[in-house]
N, C-alpha and C. Protein backbone atom coordinates (compact mmCIF):
# COMPACT_ATOMS: atom_id res chain seq x y z
N MET A 1 -2.98 13.81 1.94
CA MET A 1 -2.32 12.44 2.83
C MET A 1 -3.70 12.54 3.88
N THR A 2 -3.67 11.12 3.74
CA THR A 2 -5.40 11.24 4.99
C THR A 2 -4.35 10.87 6.01
N THR A 3 -5.36 11.62 7.50
CA THR A 3 -5.04 11.59 8.73
C THR A 3 -5.84 10.72 9.35
N PHE A 4 -5.49 9.86 10.36
CA PHE A 4 -6.73 9.17 10.95
C PHE A 4 -5.89 9.17 12.55
N GLY A 5 -6.59 8.65 13.55
CA GLY A 5 -6.52 8.89 15.07
C GLY A 5 -6.25 7.28 15.10
N LEU A 6 -5.81 7.03 16.25
CA LEU A 6 -5.78 5.19 16.45
C LEU A 6 -6.35 5.65 18.36
N ILE A 7 -6.87 5.30 18.52
CA ILE A 7 -7.10 4.79 19.99
C ILE A 7 -6.67 3.82 20.94
N THR A 8 -5.93 4.28 21.82
CA THR A 8 -5.66 2.56 22.65
C THR A 8 -5.56 2.86 23.54
N THR A 9 -6.10 1.81 24.32
CA THR A 9 -6.08 1.58 25.77
C THR A 9 -4.89 0.74 25.99
N SER A 10 -4.65 0.86 27.76
CA SER A 10 -3.43 0.31 28.36
C SER A 10 -4.46 -1.16 29.18
N CYS A 11 -4.58 -2.22 29.15
CA CYS A 11 -4.80 -3.49 29.69
C CYS A 11 -4.24 -3.45 30.87
N ALA A 12 -3.31 -2.96 31.05
CA ALA A 12 -2.33 -3.44 32.53
C ALA A 12 -3.21 -2.48 33.36
N GLY A 13 -3.63 -2.53 34.28
CA GLY A 13 -3.80 -1.82 35.43
C GLY A 13 -3.27 -2.60 36.90
N GLY A 14 -2.05 -1.29 36.84
CA GLY A 14 -1.48 -1.47 38.15
C GLY A 14 -1.02 -2.57 38.99
N ASP A 15 -1.52 -3.22 39.83
CA ASP A 15 -0.99 -4.46 40.03
C ASP A 15 -1.92 -5.81 40.05
N ASP A 16 -2.67 -5.65 38.97
CA ASP A 16 -3.53 -6.01 38.44
C ASP A 16 -2.57 -7.93 37.88
N PRO A 17 -2.96 -9.21 38.66
CA PRO A 17 -2.07 -9.83 38.31
C PRO A 17 -2.09 -10.57 37.17
N ILE A 18 -3.50 -10.95 36.65
CA ILE A 18 -4.12 -11.73 35.27
C ILE A 18 -2.73 -10.81 34.32
N SER A 19 -3.15 -9.34 34.34
CA SER A 19 -2.17 -8.51 32.94
C SER A 19 -0.80 -8.83 33.19
N ALA A 20 -0.11 -8.84 34.54
CA ALA A 20 1.00 -9.25 34.61
C ALA A 20 1.68 -10.53 34.01
N ALA A 21 0.60 -11.68 34.54
CA ALA A 21 0.81 -12.78 33.94
C ALA A 21 0.82 -12.79 32.15
N THR A 22 -0.24 -12.63 31.69
CA THR A 22 -0.30 -12.45 29.94
C THR A 22 1.12 -11.47 29.54
N GLY A 23 1.48 -10.52 30.02
CA GLY A 23 1.99 -9.18 29.57
C GLY A 23 1.28 -8.50 28.82
N CYS A 24 0.47 -8.38 29.18
CA CYS A 24 -0.62 -7.46 28.42
C CYS A 24 0.25 -5.70 28.24
N GLY A 25 0.62 -5.85 29.46
CA GLY A 25 1.67 -4.07 29.40
C GLY A 25 2.30 -4.23 28.68
N ILE A 26 3.44 -5.12 28.48
CA ILE A 26 4.37 -5.05 27.50
C ILE A 26 3.94 -5.32 26.42
N TRP A 27 2.70 -5.83 25.67
CA TRP A 27 2.14 -5.86 24.30
C TRP A 27 1.85 -4.77 23.83
N ALA A 28 1.08 -3.93 24.70
CA ALA A 28 0.75 -2.05 24.91
C ALA A 28 2.08 -1.29 23.99
N LYS A 29 3.01 -1.52 24.94
CA LYS A 29 4.04 -0.79 24.95
C LYS A 29 4.52 -1.12 23.59
N GLU A 30 4.80 -1.97 23.18
CA GLU A 30 5.19 -2.78 21.97
C GLU A 30 4.60 -1.74 20.53
N ILE A 31 3.06 -1.78 20.60
CA ILE A 31 2.42 -1.41 19.57
C ILE A 31 2.43 0.42 19.41
N GLU A 32 2.49 0.79 20.69
CA GLU A 32 2.42 2.18 20.90
C GLU A 32 4.08 2.50 20.32
N SER A 33 4.84 1.84 20.72
CA SER A 33 5.96 2.16 20.13
C SER A 33 6.26 2.57 18.39
N ALA A 34 5.86 1.05 18.39
CA ALA A 34 5.96 1.21 16.88
C ALA A 34 4.79 1.63 15.83
N THR A 35 3.73 1.82 16.65
CA THR A 35 2.67 3.33 15.89
C THR A 35 3.41 4.39 15.77
N THR A 36 4.29 4.76 16.69
CA THR A 36 4.62 5.99 16.99
C THR A 36 6.12 5.73 15.62
N LYS A 37 7.00 4.65 15.75
CA LYS A 37 7.51 5.36 14.66
C LYS A 37 7.05 4.81 13.04
N TRP A 38 6.03 4.63 13.24
CA TRP A 38 5.14 4.61 11.72
C TRP A 38 4.32 6.04 11.29
N SER A 39 4.12 6.45 12.27
CA SER A 39 3.54 7.86 12.41
C SER A 39 4.78 8.67 12.24
N ASP A 40 5.90 8.56 12.59
CA ASP A 40 7.11 9.47 12.42
C ASP A 40 7.30 9.63 10.74
N ALA A 41 7.29 8.24 10.57
CA ALA A 41 7.86 7.76 9.37
C ALA A 41 6.72 8.00 8.29
N ALA A 42 5.84 8.29 8.82
CA ALA A 42 4.68 8.98 7.78
C ALA A 42 4.92 10.10 7.34
N ALA A 43 5.00 11.08 8.67
CA ALA A 43 5.26 12.74 8.45
C ALA A 43 6.50 12.70 7.61
N ASN A 44 7.66 12.36 8.14
CA ASN A 44 8.72 12.06 7.55
C ASN A 44 8.47 12.53 5.92
N TYR A 45 7.89 11.05 5.54
CA TYR A 45 7.88 11.07 3.71
C TYR A 45 7.19 11.83 3.54
N SER A 46 5.81 12.18 4.27
CA SER A 46 4.70 13.30 3.58
C SER A 46 5.45 14.93 3.44
N ASN A 47 6.67 14.85 4.43
CA ASN A 47 7.20 16.55 4.49
C ASN A 47 8.51 16.59 3.46
N ASN A 48 9.19 14.79 3.32
CA ASN A 48 10.31 15.26 1.91
C ASN A 48 10.10 13.72 1.63
N PRO A 49 9.28 13.67 -0.02
CA PRO A 49 8.64 12.48 0.08
C PRO A 49 9.86 11.91 -1.04
N THR A 50 11.22 11.68 -0.31
CA THR A 50 12.70 10.89 -1.55
C THR A 50 12.32 9.31 -1.30
N SER A 51 12.82 8.49 -1.91
CA SER A 51 13.05 7.18 -2.11
C SER A 51 13.26 6.95 -0.80
N ASP A 52 14.07 6.87 0.10
CA ASP A 52 14.33 6.70 1.35
C ASP A 52 13.48 7.13 2.31
N ASN A 53 12.94 8.04 2.50
CA ASN A 53 11.65 7.97 3.33
C ASN A 53 10.60 7.24 2.78
N CYS A 54 10.45 6.78 1.74
CA CYS A 54 9.77 5.86 1.16
C CYS A 54 9.66 4.48 1.59
N LYS A 55 11.32 4.21 1.51
CA LYS A 55 11.69 2.66 2.07
C LYS A 55 11.47 3.17 3.51
N LYS A 56 11.41 4.22 4.42
CA LYS A 56 11.34 3.90 5.94
C LYS A 56 10.28 3.76 6.44
N PHE A 57 8.97 4.62 5.29
CA PHE A 57 7.93 4.63 5.90
C PHE A 57 7.39 2.92 5.41
N LYS A 58 7.14 2.29 4.48
CA LYS A 58 6.86 1.29 4.17
C LYS A 58 7.54 -0.03 5.12
N ASP A 59 8.50 0.65 5.60
CA ASP A 59 9.37 -0.36 6.50
C ASP A 59 8.80 -0.66 8.49
N ALA A 60 8.48 0.45 8.33
CA ALA A 60 7.82 0.96 9.69
C ALA A 60 6.33 0.57 9.77
N GLY A 61 5.72 0.55 8.57
CA GLY A 61 4.05 0.10 8.55
C GLY A 61 4.32 -1.72 8.84
N LEU A 62 5.45 -2.64 7.48
CA LEU A 62 5.09 -3.18 8.05
C LEU A 62 5.84 -3.98 9.26
N ASP A 63 6.68 -3.19 10.34
CA ASP A 63 7.03 -3.56 11.44
C ASP A 63 5.65 -3.79 12.27
N LEU A 64 4.79 -3.02 12.01
CA LEU A 64 3.65 -2.55 12.65
C LEU A 64 2.57 -3.60 12.79
């Protein structure tokens, strides 16, 4: 299995009115959540390569 890192930065900077108006902080949290779910599903499939875990891994990737 190939391992790779994803570098993310939050574009929501405290009381920044532009970030608040664009919803950038919300978008960053959604991406972080989806990436975590995909990473967890990849680990589960790697540790237990069943059809069910394969489907969960695929679905998490499509959601991402």
